[in-house]
Amino acid sequence: GAAVAHHSFSAEYDPDRPVKLTGKVTDMKWSNPHAWIYLDVTGADGKIANWALETGGANSLIRRGWRKEDLPAGTVLRVRLDSGLNLR
């Protein structure tokens, strides 16, 4: 038989601690089941941290109108991950 599994939201994210980030895109990996946006974010201490933001899969992004050329390296993004983990 087939097994169906997916990671638990609550096992990986704290829904009570929304995250806000501003940074520059360093890369975007178009893949399934999840695509990834990599973002250099400068912290309050001046140090740069590279964040990996998980999105829907490439097929899902394409169906929503995204294209590979939409986020070239250097694009500045402001991201808010809210309690429903919606990337905005």
Protein backbone atom coordinates (compact mmCIF):
# COMPACT_ATOMS: atom_id res chain seq x y z
CA GLY A 1 0.00 0.00 0.00
CA ALA A 2 0.89 3.64 -0.32
CA ALA A 3 1.96 5.75 2.61
CA VAL A 4 1.06 9.41 2.79
CA ALA A 5 3.00 11.70 5.12
CA HIS A 6 3.73 15.36 5.55
CA HIS A 7 5.57 17.31 8.22
CA SER A 8 3.50 18.82 11.00
CA PHE A 9 3.15 22.61 11.12
CA SER A 10 3.44 22.68 14.91
CA ALA A 11 6.53 20.45 14.87
CA GLU A 12 8.47 22.93 12.74
CA TYR A 13 6.99 26.39 13.46
CA ASP A 14 5.78 28.31 16.49
CA PRO A 15 2.40 29.80 15.49
CA ASP A 16 2.59 32.26 18.40
CA ARG A 17 5.79 33.92 17.13
CA PRO A 18 5.26 35.63 13.77
CA VAL A 19 8.45 36.49 11.88
CA LYS A 20 9.13 39.63 9.83
CA LEU A 21 12.17 39.76 7.55
CA THR A 22 13.62 42.20 5.04
CA GLY A 23 16.51 41.07 2.90
CA LYS A 24 17.92 40.36 -0.53
CA VAL A 25 17.21 37.21 -2.50
CA THR A 26 20.37 35.17 -2.99
CA ASP A 27 18.76 32.21 -4.77
CA MET A 28 15.49 30.46 -5.50
CA LYS A 29 15.30 26.70 -5.96
CA TRP A 30 12.34 25.57 -8.04
CA SER A 31 11.56 22.07 -6.87
CA ASN A 32 8.79 19.76 -5.73
CA PRO A 33 7.30 19.11 -3.26
CA HIS A 34 8.56 22.50 -1.99
CA ALA A 35 10.45 25.36 -3.59
CA TRP A 36 12.85 27.50 -1.57
CA ILE A 37 13.70 31.20 -1.47
CA TYR A 38 17.07 32.07 0.10
CA LEU A 39 17.27 35.53 1.62
CA ASP A 40 20.22 37.44 3.16
CA VAL A 41 18.88 39.31 6.20
CA THR A 42 20.97 41.78 8.20
CA GLY A 43 20.32 41.43 11.92
CA ALA A 44 20.30 44.15 14.57
CA ASP A 45 23.94 43.24 15.29
CA GLY A 46 24.91 43.94 11.66
CA LYS A 47 25.58 40.28 10.88
CA ILE A 48 24.05 38.75 7.77
CA ALA A 49 22.11 35.50 8.09
CA ASN A 50 20.92 33.53 5.07
CA TRP A 51 17.33 32.41 5.66
CA ALA A 52 15.72 29.55 3.74
CA LEU A 53 12.00 30.14 3.14
CA GLU A 54 9.94 27.12 2.17
CA THR A 55 7.13 27.74 -0.32
CA GLY A 56 4.66 25.60 -2.19
CA GLY A 57 6.09 23.36 -4.86
CA ALA A 58 7.16 24.62 -8.28
CA ASN A 59 3.99 23.26 -9.88
CA SER A 60 1.84 25.10 -7.35
CA LEU A 61 3.75 28.36 -7.81
CA ILE A 62 3.39 28.16 -11.59
CA ARG A 63 -0.36 27.60 -11.26
CA ARG A 64 -0.50 30.76 -9.11
CA GLY A 65 1.25 32.80 -11.77
CA TRP A 66 4.85 32.75 -10.51
CA ARG A 67 7.70 32.50 -13.02
CA LYS A 68 11.33 31.54 -12.42
CA GLU A 69 12.44 35.02 -13.41
CA ASP A 70 10.20 36.75 -10.83
CA LEU A 71 12.80 36.72 -8.02
CA PRO A 72 16.29 37.31 -9.40
CA ALA A 73 19.21 37.49 -7.00
CA GLY A 74 19.39 40.94 -5.41
CA THR A 75 15.62 41.47 -5.26
CA VAL A 76 14.70 43.03 -1.90
CA LEU A 77 11.83 41.25 -0.16
CA ARG A 78 9.83 42.12 2.92
CA VAL A 79 8.38 38.91 4.29
CA ARG A 80 5.89 38.29 7.06
CA LEU A 81 5.30 34.76 8.24
CA ASP A 82 2.13 34.87 10.29
CA SER A 83 0.41 32.38 12.55
CA GLY A 84 -1.00 30.52 9.54
CA LEU A 85 2.49 30.52 8.03
CA ASN A 86 1.36 32.48 5.02
CA LEU A 87 4.26 33.95 3.10
CA ARG A 88 3.28 37.54 2.26
